[in-house]
Structure formats: structure tokens, C-alpha cells
Amino acid sequence: DPSQPRGKWQISTEGGELPRWRGDGKELFYHFADSFFAVDVKTDGPAFEAGNPRRLFDIPGVSASSTHGEFTVTKDGQRFLVAMQTQNATAQPIQVVVNWR
């Protein structure tokens, strides 16, 4: 809606990356250091309002600068899917059969 005020608002007091909205737009999730955070927001009034960030949980090794830093949140904000590299990953051999009959 072009009549609504637009702008930038600081949400985190220390930093953050990888922001994601809850499906109804009433909560914003983000990552900082090894932790995931949530912030309650109000977008339906005359001005944008943000609450205080709450630390939800920690997952080490997640970063926007890595290829494994992506995450998604369910529409209700209750479940997270985080792509990350496991430290115990080992390559498994494959077998290729040629001229099979």
C-alpha cells in the first residue's frame, strides 16, 4: 500500500543476518553469531513497531557467507529447517555397472 509509511528500522542491537518473516508478518526471525532470534513486530498500525529480540536456540556454523547458511521457517513460526554441513560427513563409494543385461 503506497499510503503506508516506508523506511528502515533497526531490529537487532548487536547485529544479525538471514532475516525471515513469519507467515502472518507478526514476527521476524534472524541469525547472529551461533544463535537464532525472534522479534515480535506490528506492521498494521500507523507506524512500524518492533519488540525486543528473544534468543530461540543455537546452531553453530550457520552463516550467510557460507553455502550452508540458509534456513526457512514454517508459516506459524514453530519449526525451522536449517541447511548445514555435518562434520561427520564421509563420502560413500558408488558402483557403476556398464553393459548390464
PDB file of N, CA and C in Angstrom:
ATOM      1  N   ASP A   1       0.849  -1.185   0.000  1.00  0.00           N
ATOM      2  CA  ASP A   1       0.000   0.000   0.000  1.00  0.00           C
ATOM      3  C   ASP A   1       0.891   1.244   0.000  1.00  0.00           C
ATOM      4  N   PRO A   2       0.860   2.064  -1.041  1.00  0.00           N
ATOM      5  CA  PRO A   2       1.725   3.245  -1.129  1.00  0.00           C
ATOM      6  C   PRO A   2       1.432   4.296  -0.060  1.00  0.00           C
ATOM      7  N   SER A   3       0.251   4.269   0.558  1.00  0.00           N
ATOM      8  CA  SER A   3      -0.064   5.278   1.574  1.00  0.00           C
ATOM      9  C   SER A   3       0.577   4.961   2.925  1.00  0.00           C
ATOM     10  N   GLN A   4       1.046   3.717   3.116  1.00  0.00           N
ATOM     11  CA  GLN A   4       1.684   3.333   4.374  1.00  0.00           C
ATOM     12  C   GLN A   4       3.109   3.882   4.433  1.00  0.00           C
ATOM     13  N   PRO A   5       3.567   4.282   5.628  1.00  0.00           N
ATOM     14  CA  PRO A   5       4.928   4.793   5.744  1.00  0.00           C
ATOM     15  C   PRO A   5       5.956   3.707   5.438  1.00  0.00           C
ATOM     16  N   ARG A   6       7.017   4.093   4.795  1.00  0.00           N
ATOM     17  CA  ARG A   6       8.098   3.181   4.446  1.00  0.00           C
ATOM     18  C   ARG A   6       9.367   3.688   5.111  1.00  0.00           C
ATOM     19  N   GLY A   7      10.321   2.800   5.305  1.00  0.00           N
ATOM     20  CA  GLY A   7      11.576   3.211   5.899  1.00  0.00           C
ATOM     21  C   GLY A   7      12.377   2.026   6.363  1.00  0.00           C
ATOM     22  N   LYS A   8      13.409   2.299   7.143  1.00  0.00           N
ATOM     23  CA  LYS A   8      14.280   1.277   7.709  1.00  0.00           C
ATOM     24  C   LYS A   8      14.229   1.400   9.215  1.00  0.00           C
ATOM     25  N   TRP A   9      14.169   0.246   9.887  1.00  0.00           N
ATOM     26  CA  TRP A   9      14.147   0.219  11.340  1.00  0.00           C
ATOM     27  C   TRP A   9      15.174  -0.779  11.830  1.00  0.00           C
ATOM     28  N   GLN A  10      15.902  -0.406  12.848  1.00  0.00           N
ATOM     29  CA  GLN A  10      16.880  -1.314  13.439  1.00  0.00           C
ATOM     30  C   GLN A  10      16.155  -2.280  14.356  1.00  0.00           C
ATOM     31  N   ILE A  11      16.384  -3.564  14.168  1.00  0.00           N
ATOM     32  CA  ILE A  11      15.738  -4.602  14.951  1.00  0.00           C
ATOM     33  C   ILE A  11      16.694  -5.155  15.997  1.00  0.00           C
ATOM     34  N   SER A  12      17.904  -5.451  15.583  1.00  0.00           N
ATOM     35  CA  SER A  12      18.896  -6.061  16.467  1.00  0.00           C
ATOM     36  C   SER A  12      19.801  -4.987  17.060  1.00  0.00           C
ATOM     37  N   THR A  13      20.190  -5.169  18.311  1.00  0.00           N
ATOM     38  CA  THR A  13      21.104  -4.221  18.948  1.00  0.00           C
ATOM     39  C   THR A  13      22.556  -4.619  18.751  1.00  0.00           C
ATOM     40  N   GLU A  14      22.814  -5.868  18.313  1.00  0.00           N
ATOM     41  CA  GLU A  14      24.193  -6.346  18.177  1.00  0.00           C
ATOM     42  C   GLU A  14      24.566  -6.734  16.759  1.00  0.00           C
ATOM     43  N   GLY A  15      23.629  -6.970  15.916  1.00  0.00           N
ATOM     44  CA  GLY A  15      23.906  -7.419  14.555  1.00  0.00           C
ATOM     45  C   GLY A  15      22.969  -8.553  14.196  1.00  0.00           C
ATOM     46  N   GLY A  16      22.992  -8.948  12.956  1.00  0.00           N
ATOM     47  CA  GLY A  16      22.146 -10.046  12.524  1.00  0.00           C
ATOM     48  C   GLY A  16      22.226 -10.249  11.033  1.00  0.00           C
ATOM     49  N   GLU A  17      21.744 -11.395  10.595  1.00  0.00           N
ATOM     50  CA  GLU A  17      21.761 -11.754   9.179  1.00  0.00           C
ATOM     51  C   GLU A  17      20.633 -12.736   8.913  1.00  0.00           C
ATOM     52  N   LEU A  18      20.384 -13.005   7.665  1.00  0.00           N
ATOM     53  CA  LEU A  18      19.416 -14.002   7.222  1.00  0.00           C
ATOM     54  C   LEU A  18      18.007 -13.778   7.775  1.00  0.00           C
ATOM     55  N   PRO A  19      17.419 -12.593   7.620  1.00  0.00           N
ATOM     56  CA  PRO A  19      16.076 -12.350   8.172  1.00  0.00           C
ATOM     57  C   PRO A  19      14.999 -13.137   7.430  1.00  0.00           C
ATOM     58  N   ARG A  20      13.999 -13.595   8.188  1.00  0.00           N
ATOM     59  CA  ARG A  20      12.836 -14.300   7.634  1.00  0.00           C
ATOM     60  C   ARG A  20      11.592 -13.840   8.384  1.00  0.00           C
ATOM     61  N   TRP A  21      10.483 -13.682   7.664  1.00  0.00           N
ATOM     62  CA  TRP A  21       9.208 -13.293   8.261  1.00  0.00           C
ATOM     63  C   TRP A  21       8.389 -14.519   8.602  1.00  0.00           C
ATOM     64  N   ARG A  22       7.625 -14.456   9.701  1.00  0.00           N
ATOM     65  CA  ARG A  22       6.612 -15.458   9.971  1.00  0.00           C
ATOM     66  C   ARG A  22       5.496 -15.251   8.948  1.00  0.00           C
ATOM     67  N   GLY A  23       4.743 -16.272   8.637  1.00  0.00           N
ATOM     68  CA  GLY A  23       3.731 -16.226   7.585  1.00  0.00           C
ATOM     69  C   GLY A  23       2.726 -15.101   7.717  1.00  0.00           C
ATOM     70  N   ASP A  24       2.352 -14.721   8.942  1.00  0.00           N
ATOM     71  CA  ASP A  24       1.373 -13.650   9.124  1.00  0.00           C
ATOM     72  C   ASP A  24       2.005 -12.274   9.277  1.00  0.00           C
ATOM     73  N   GLY A  25       3.342 -12.172   9.202  1.00  0.00           N
ATOM     74  CA  GLY A  25       4.032 -10.889   9.272  1.00  0.00           C
ATOM     75  C   GLY A  25       4.125 -10.302  10.672  1.00  0.00           C
ATOM     76  N   LYS A  26       3.815 -11.072  11.713  1.00  0.00           N
ATOM     77  CA  LYS A  26       3.825 -10.546  13.072  1.00  0.00           C
ATOM     78  C   LYS A  26       5.090 -10.880  13.850  1.00  0.00           C
ATOM     79  N   GLU A  27       6.021 -11.571  13.188  1.00  0.00           N
ATOM     80  CA  GLU A  27       7.269 -11.928  13.854  1.00  0.00           C
ATOM     81  C   GLU A  27       8.370 -11.995  12.802  1.00  0.00           C
ATOM     82  N   LEU A  28       9.551 -11.567  13.199  1.00  0.00           N
ATOM     83  CA  LEU A  28      10.720 -11.594  12.329  1.00  0.00           C
ATOM     84  C   LEU A  28      11.775 -12.454  12.992  1.00  0.00           C
ATOM     85  N   PHE A  29      12.376 -13.363  12.215  1.00  0.00           N
ATOM     86  CA  PHE A  29      13.423 -14.239  12.713  1.00  0.00           C
ATOM     87  C   PHE A  29      14.732 -13.850  12.034  1.00  0.00           C
ATOM     88  N   TYR A  30      15.834 -13.996  12.757  1.00  0.00           N
ATOM     89  CA  TYR A  30      17.145 -13.740  12.157  1.00  0.00           C
ATOM     90  C   TYR A  30      18.208 -14.523  12.895  1.00  0.00           C
ATOM     91  N   HIS A  31      19.401 -14.540  12.328  1.00  0.00           N
ATOM     92  CA  HIS A  31      20.533 -15.282  12.876  1.00  0.00           C
ATOM     93  C   HIS A  31      21.640 -14.300  13.229  1.00  0.00           C
ATOM     94  N   PHE A  32      22.334 -14.553  14.346  1.00  0.00           N
ATOM     95  CA  PHE A  32      23.511 -13.765  14.727  1.00  0.00           C
ATOM     96  C   PHE A  32      24.436 -14.659  15.539  1.00  0.00           C
ATOM     97  N   ALA A  33      25.721 -14.640  15.193  1.00  0.00           N
ATOM     98  CA  ALA A  33      26.730 -15.497  15.821  1.00  0.00           C
ATOM     99  C   ALA A  33      26.264 -16.947  15.672  1.00  0.00           C
ATOM    100  N   ASP A  34      26.046 -17.680  16.749  1.00  0.00           N
ATOM    101  CA  ASP A  34      25.573 -19.066  16.668  1.00  0.00           C
ATOM    102  C   ASP A  34      24.106 -19.205  17.048  1.00  0.00           C
ATOM    103  N   SER A  35      23.373 -18.109  17.149  1.00  0.00           N
ATOM    104  CA  SER A  35      22.012 -18.144  17.677  1.00  0.00           C
ATOM    105  C   SER A  35      20.968 -17.671  16.672  1.00  0.00           C
ATOM    106  N   PHE A  36      19.753 -18.162  16.846  1.00  0.00           N
ATOM    107  CA  PHE A  36      18.595 -17.686  16.112  1.00  0.00           C
ATOM    108  C   PHE A  36      17.732 -16.870  17.064  1.00  0.00           C
ATOM    109  N   PHE A  37      17.167 -15.779  16.556  1.00  0.00           N
ATOM    110  CA  PHE A  37      16.381 -14.854  17.362  1.00  0.00           C
ATOM    111  C   PHE A  37      15.020 -14.637  16.724  1.00  0.00           C
ATOM    112  N   ALA A  38      14.062 -14.183  17.555  1.00  0.00           N
ATOM    113  CA  ALA A  38      12.730 -13.797  17.092  1.00  0.00           C
ATOM    114  C   ALA A  38      12.402 -12.434  17.676  1.00  0.00           C
ATOM    115  N   VAL A  39      11.687 -11.628  16.895  1.00  0.00           N
ATOM    116  CA  VAL A  39      11.245 -10.304  17.335  1.00  0.00           C
ATOM    117  C   VAL A  39       9.783 -10.152  16.943  1.00  0.00           C
ATOM    118  N   ASP A  40       8.929  -9.817  17.915  1.00  0.00           N
ATOM    119  CA  ASP A  40       7.532  -9.508  17.609  1.00  0.00           C
ATOM    120  C   ASP A  40       7.474  -8.144  16.927  1.00  0.00           C
ATOM    121  N   VAL A  41       6.681  -8.046  15.870  1.00  0.00           N
ATOM    122  CA  VAL A  41       6.553  -6.777  15.149  1.00  0.00           C
ATOM    123  C   VAL A  41       5.082  -6.479  14.876  1.00  0.00           C
ATOM    124  N   LYS A  42       4.791  -5.184  14.759  1.00  0.00           N
ATOM    125  CA  LYS A  42       3.449  -4.740  14.373  1.00  0.00           C
ATOM    126  C   LYS A  42       3.600  -3.928  13.100  1.00  0.00           C
ATOM    127  N   THR A  43       2.932  -4.386  12.067  1.00  0.00           N
ATOM    128  CA  THR A  43       3.015  -3.706  10.774  1.00  0.00           C
ATOM    129  C   THR A  43       1.671  -3.158  10.332  1.00  0.00           C
ATOM    130  N   ASP A  44       0.629  -3.353  11.142  1.00  0.00           N
ATOM    131  CA  ASP A  44      -0.711  -2.964  10.708  1.00  0.00           C
ATOM    132  C   ASP A  44      -1.168  -1.612  11.246  1.00  0.00           C
ATOM    133  N   GLY A  45      -0.368  -0.924  12.040  1.00  0.00           N
ATOM    134  CA  GLY A  45      -0.743   0.381  12.578  1.00  0.00           C
ATOM    135  C   GLY A  45      -0.176   1.517  11.753  1.00  0.00           C
ATOM    136  N   PRO A  46      -0.252   2.717  12.278  1.00  0.00           N
ATOM    137  CA  PRO A  46       0.273   3.871  11.554  1.00  0.00           C
ATOM    138  C   PRO A  46       1.801   3.883  11.471  1.00  0.00           C
ATOM    139  N   ALA A  47       2.479   3.124  12.351  1.00  0.00           N
ATOM    140  CA  ALA A  47       3.939   3.076  12.328  1.00  0.00           C
ATOM    141  C   ALA A  47       4.400   1.655  12.616  1.00  0.00           C
ATOM    142  N   PHE A  48       5.549   1.322  12.115  1.00  0.00           N
ATOM    143  CA  PHE A  48       6.161   0.016  12.376  1.00  0.00           C
ATOM    144  C   PHE A  48       6.629  -0.032  13.824  1.00  0.00           C
ATOM    145  N   GLU A  49       6.356  -1.132  14.513  1.00  0.00           N
ATOM    146  CA  GLU A  49       6.807  -1.303  15.889  1.00  0.00           C
ATOM    147  C   GLU A  49       7.489  -2.656  16.026  1.00  0.00           C
ATOM    148  N   ALA A  50       8.624  -2.681  16.739  1.00  0.00           N
ATOM    149  CA  ALA A  50       9.351  -3.923  16.969  1.00  0.00           C
ATOM    150  C   ALA A  50       9.612  -4.095  18.458  1.00  0.00           C
ATOM    151  N   GLY A  51       9.431  -5.325  18.937  1.00  0.00           N
ATOM    152  CA  GLY A  51       9.711  -5.648  20.330  1.00  0.00           C
ATOM    153  C   GLY A  51      11.189  -5.932  20.528  1.00  0.00           C
ATOM    154  N   ASN A  52      11.513  -6.491  21.669  1.00  0.00           N
ATOM    155  CA  ASN A  52      12.891  -6.852  21.975  1.00  0.00           C
ATOM    156  C   ASN A  52      13.213  -8.229  21.404  1.00  0.00           C
ATOM    157  N   PRO A  53      14.408  -8.400  20.839  1.00  0.00           N
ATOM    158  CA  PRO A  53      14.806  -9.711  20.311  1.00  0.00           C
ATOM    159  C   PRO A  53      14.861 -10.758  21.424  1.00  0.00           C
ATOM    160  N   ARG A  54      14.401 -11.972  21.104  1.00  0.00           N
ATOM    161  CA  ARG A  54      14.472 -13.111  22.020  1.00  0.00           C
ATOM    162  C   ARG A  54      15.322 -14.199  21.389  1.00  0.00           C
ATOM    163  N   ARG A  55      16.303 -14.708  22.133  1.00  0.00           N
ATOM    164  CA  ARG A  55      17.125 -15.812  21.630  1.00  0.00           C
ATOM    165  C   ARG A  55      16.304 -17.094  21.677  1.00  0.00           C
ATOM    166  N   LEU A  56      16.221 -17.810  20.544  1.00  0.00           N
ATOM    167  CA  LEU A  56      15.430 -19.026  20.467  1.00  0.00           C
ATOM    168  C   LEU A  56      16.266 -20.280  20.710  1.00  0.00           C
ATOM    169  N   PHE A  57      17.354 -20.429  19.947  1.00  0.00           N
ATOM    170  CA  PHE A  57      18.202 -21.616  20.060  1.00  0.00           C
ATOM    171  C   PHE A  57      19.521 -21.344  19.349  1.00  0.00           C
ATOM    172  N   ASP A  58      20.489 -22.221  19.581  1.00  0.00           N
ATOM    173  CA  ASP A  58      21.822 -22.098  18.979  1.00  0.00           C
ATOM    174  C   ASP A  58      22.065 -23.234  17.998  1.00  0.00           C
ATOM    175  N   ILE A  59      22.681 -22.904  16.881  1.00  0.00           N
ATOM    176  CA  ILE A  59      23.211 -23.892  15.938  1.00  0.00           C
ATOM    177  C   ILE A  59      24.537 -23.331  15.440  1.00  0.00           C
ATOM    178  N   PRO A  60      25.658 -23.882  15.879  1.00  0.00           N
ATOM    179  CA  PRO A  60      26.964 -23.379  15.430  1.00  0.00           C
ATOM    180  C   PRO A  60      27.182 -23.622  13.937  1.00  0.00           C
ATOM    181  N   GLY A  61      27.960 -22.766  13.314  1.00  0.00           N
ATOM    182  CA  GLY A  61      28.378 -22.966  11.932  1.00  0.00           C
ATOM    183  C   GLY A  61      27.415 -22.471  10.879  1.00  0.00           C
ATOM    184  N   VAL A  62      26.369 -21.758  11.232  1.00  0.00           N
ATOM    185  CA  VAL A  62      25.438 -21.205  10.245  1.00  0.00           C
ATOM    186  C   VAL A  62      25.873 -19.783   9.941  1.00  0.00           C
ATOM    187  N   SER A  63      25.966 -19.441   8.658  1.00  0.00           N
ATOM    188  CA  SER A  63      26.403 -18.099   8.276  1.00  0.00           C
ATOM    189  C   SER A  63      25.904 -17.762   6.889  1.00  0.00           C
ATOM    190  N   ALA A  64      25.605 -16.495   6.689  1.00  0.00           N
ATOM    191  CA  ALA A  64      25.182 -16.038   5.363  1.00  0.00           C
ATOM    192  C   ALA A  64      26.326 -16.134   4.364  1.00  0.00           C
ATOM    193  N   SER A  65      27.561 -16.142   4.851  1.00  0.00           N
ATOM    194  CA  SER A  65      28.705 -16.189   3.949  1.00  0.00           C
ATOM    195  C   SER A  65      29.029 -17.616   3.502  1.00  0.00           C
ATOM    196  N   SER A  66      28.387 -18.618   4.110  1.00  0.00           N
ATOM    197  CA  SER A  66      28.632 -19.995   3.697  1.00  0.00           C
ATOM    198  C   SER A  66      27.498 -20.472   2.810  1.00  0.00           C
ATOM    199  N   THR A  67      27.734 -21.541   2.102  1.00  0.00           N
ATOM    200  CA  THR A  67      26.679 -22.086   1.250  1.00  0.00           C
ATOM    201  C   THR A  67      25.664 -22.871   2.072  1.00  0.00           C
ATOM    202  N   HIS A  68      25.927 -23.060   3.357  1.00  0.00           N
ATOM    203  CA  HIS A  68      25.027 -23.834   4.210  1.00  0.00           C
ATOM    204  C   HIS A  68      24.313 -22.943   5.216  1.00  0.00           C
ATOM    205  N   GLY A  69      24.158 -21.669   4.913  1.00  0.00           N
ATOM    206  CA  GLY A  69      23.569 -20.741   5.857  1.00  0.00           C
ATOM    207  C   GLY A  69      22.104 -20.460   5.658  1.00  0.00           C
ATOM    208  N   GLU A  70      21.447 -21.207   4.824  1.00  0.00           N
ATOM    209  CA  GLU A  70      20.042 -20.928   4.571  1.00  0.00           C
ATOM    210  C   GLU A  70      19.151 -21.623   5.584  1.00  0.00           C
ATOM    211  N   PHE A  71      18.031 -20.969   5.892  1.00  0.00           N
ATOM    212  CA  PHE A  71      17.024 -21.598   6.728  1.00  0.00           C
ATOM    213  C   PHE A  71      15.660 -21.091   6.309  1.00  0.00           C
ATOM    214  N   THR A  72      14.650 -21.842   6.667  1.00  0.00           N
ATOM    215  CA  THR A  72      13.280 -21.436   6.430  1.00  0.00           C
ATOM    216  C   THR A  72      12.471 -21.729   7.687  1.00  0.00           C
ATOM    217  N   VAL A  73      11.368 -21.034   7.818  1.00  0.00           N
ATOM    218  CA  VAL A  73      10.510 -21.139   8.998  1.00  0.00           C
ATOM    219  C   VAL A  73       9.106 -21.494   8.525  1.00  0.00           C
ATOM    220  N   THR A  74       8.431 -22.365   9.257  1.00  0.00           N
ATOM    221  CA  THR A  74       7.051 -22.674   8.915  1.00  0.00           C
ATOM    222  C   THR A  74       6.185 -21.425   9.079  1.00  0.00           C
ATOM    223  N   LYS A  75       5.043 -21.399   8.429  1.00  0.00           N
ATOM    224  CA  LYS A  75       4.182 -20.211   8.447  1.00  0.00           C
ATOM    225  C   LYS A  75       3.785 -19.792   9.856  1.00  0.00           C
ATOM    226  N   ASP A  76       3.666 -20.769  10.778  1.00  0.00           N
ATOM    227  CA  ASP A  76       3.289 -20.429  12.151  1.00  0.00           C
ATOM    228  C   ASP A  76       4.495 -20.078  13.025  1.00  0.00           C
ATOM    229  N   GLY A  77       5.707 -20.179  12.473  1.00  0.00           N
ATOM    230  CA  GLY A  77       6.912 -19.812  13.212  1.00  0.00           C
ATOM    231  C   GLY A  77       7.334 -20.811  14.275  1.00  0.00           C
ATOM    232  N   GLN A  78       6.804 -22.024  14.239  1.00  0.00           N
ATOM    233  CA  GLN A  78       7.095 -23.006  15.278  1.00  0.00           C
ATOM    234  C   GLN A  78       8.197 -23.991  14.911  1.00  0.00           C
ATOM    235  N   ARG A  79       8.534 -24.105  13.629  1.00  0.00           N
ATOM    236  CA  ARG A  79       9.562 -25.064  13.199  1.00  0.00           C
ATOM    237  C   ARG A  79      10.507 -24.405  12.213  1.00  0.00           C
ATOM    238  N   PHE A  80      11.775 -24.783  12.336  1.00  0.00           N
ATOM    239  CA  PHE A  80      12.832 -24.249  11.488  1.00  0.00           C
ATOM    240  C   PHE A  80      13.477 -25.404  10.731  1.00  0.00           C
ATOM    241  N   LEU A  81      13.835 -25.145   9.486  1.00  0.00           N
ATOM    242  CA  LEU A  81      14.618 -26.073   8.694  1.00  0.00           C
ATOM    243  C   LEU A  81      15.903 -25.350   8.339  1.00  0.00           C
ATOM    244  N   VAL A  82      17.029 -25.877   8.810  1.00  0.00           N
ATOM    245  CA  VAL A  82      18.315 -25.210   8.643  1.00  0.00           C
ATOM    246  C   VAL A  82      19.228 -26.111   7.825  1.00  0.00           C
ATOM    247  N   ALA A  83      19.748 -25.603   6.724  1.00  0.00           N
ATOM    248  CA  ALA A  83      20.705 -26.347   5.906  1.00  0.00           C
ATOM    249  C   ALA A  83      22.095 -26.087   6.445  1.00  0.00           C
ATOM    250  N   MET A  84      22.789 -27.166   6.788  1.00  0.00           N
ATOM    251  CA  MET A  84      24.145 -27.005   7.302  1.00  0.00           C
ATOM    252  C   MET A  84      24.957 -28.247   6.987  1.00  0.00           C
ATOM    253  N   GLN A  85      26.241 -28.068   6.969  1.00  0.00           N
ATOM    254  CA  GLN A  85      27.148 -29.163   6.681  1.00  0.00           C
ATOM    255  C   GLN A  85      27.409 -29.939   7.960  1.00  0.00           C
ATOM    256  N   THR A  86      27.331 -31.256   7.877  1.00  0.00           N
ATOM    257  CA  THR A  86      27.643 -32.063   9.047  1.00  0.00           C
ATOM    258  C   THR A  86      29.146 -32.285   9.116  1.00  0.00           C
ATOM    259  N   GLN A  87      29.659 -32.377  10.308  1.00  0.00           N
ATOM    260  CA  GLN A  87      31.096 -32.547  10.482  1.00  0.00           C
ATOM    261  C   GLN A  87      31.527 -33.991  10.262  1.00  0.00           C
ATOM    262  N   ASN A  88      30.608 -34.936  10.373  1.00  0.00           N
ATOM    263  CA  ASN A  88      30.957 -36.346  10.229  1.00  0.00           C
ATOM    264  C   ASN A  88      30.622 -36.896   8.847  1.00  0.00           C
ATOM    265  N   ALA A  89      30.425 -36.011   7.893  1.00  0.00           N
ATOM    266  CA  ALA A  89      30.069 -36.464   6.548  1.00  0.00           C
ATOM    267  C   ALA A  89      31.253 -37.185   5.906  1.00  0.00           C
ATOM    268  N   THR A  90      30.997 -38.370   5.394  1.00  0.00           N
ATOM    269  CA  THR A  90      32.039 -39.116   4.684  1.00  0.00           C
ATOM    270  C   THR A  90      31.487 -39.518   3.330  1.00  0.00           C
ATOM    271  N   ALA A  91      32.355 -39.558   2.364  1.00  0.00           N
ATOM    272  CA  ALA A  91      31.953 -39.942   1.012  1.00  0.00           C
ATOM    273  C   ALA A  91      31.683 -41.439   0.974  1.00  0.00           C
ATOM    274  N   GLN A  92      30.600 -41.809   0.341  1.00  0.00           N
ATOM    275  CA  GLN A  92      30.240 -43.216   0.190  1.00  0.00           C
ATOM    276  C   GLN A  92      30.565 -43.636  -1.237  1.00  0.00           C
ATOM    277  N   PRO A  93      31.185 -44.811  -1.409  1.00  0.00           N
ATOM    278  CA  PRO A  93      31.507 -45.260  -2.775  1.00  0.00           C
ATOM    279  C   PRO A  93      30.241 -45.631  -3.537  1.00  0.00           C
ATOM    280  N   ILE A  94      30.283 -45.453  -4.834  1.00  0.00           N
ATOM    281  CA  ILE A  94      29.175 -45.881  -5.688  1.00  0.00           C
ATOM    282  C   ILE A  94      29.713 -46.898  -6.685  1.00  0.00           C
ATOM    283  N   GLN A  95      28.824 -47.752  -7.160  1.00  0.00           N
ATOM    284  CA  GLN A  95      29.202 -48.736  -8.159  1.00  0.00           C
ATOM    285  C   GLN A  95      28.430 -48.448  -9.442  1.00  0.00           C
ATOM    286  N   VAL A  96      29.126 -48.485 -10.551  1.00  0.00           N
ATOM    287  CA  VAL A  96      28.511 -48.257 -11.853  1.00  0.00           C
ATOM    288  C   VAL A  96      28.659 -49.561 -12.657  1.00  0.00           C
ATOM    289  N   VAL A  97      27.550 -50.065 -13.112  1.00  0.00           N
ATOM    290  CA  VAL A  97      27.568 -51.297 -13.907  1.00  0.00           C
ATOM    291  C   VAL A  97      27.305 -50.884 -15.352  1.00  0.00           C
ATOM    292  N   VAL A  98      28.224 -51.255 -16.228  1.00  0.00           N
ATOM    293  CA  VAL A  98      28.046 -50.950 -17.654  1.00  0.00           C
ATOM    294  C   VAL A  98      27.742 -52.234 -18.414  1.00  0.00           C
ATOM    295  N   ASN A  99      27.066 -52.122 -19.524  1.00  0.00           N
ATOM    296  CA  ASN A  99      26.697 -53.259 -20.368  1.00  0.00           C
ATOM    297  C   ASN A  99      25.901 -54.302 -19.591  1.00  0.00           C
ATOM    298  N   TRP A 100      25.037 -53.839 -18.711  1.00  0.00           N
ATOM    299  CA  TRP A 100      24.212 -54.759 -17.912  1.00  0.00           C
ATOM    300  C   TRP A 100      23.073 -55.302 -18.747  1.00  0.00           C
ATOM    301  N   ARG A 101      22.787 -56.579 -18.581  1.00  0.00           N
ATOM    302  CA  ARG A 101      21.687 -57.196 -19.324  1.00  0.00           C
ATOM    303  C   ARG A 101      20.846 -58.020 -18.403  1.00  0.00           C
TER     304      ARG A 101
END
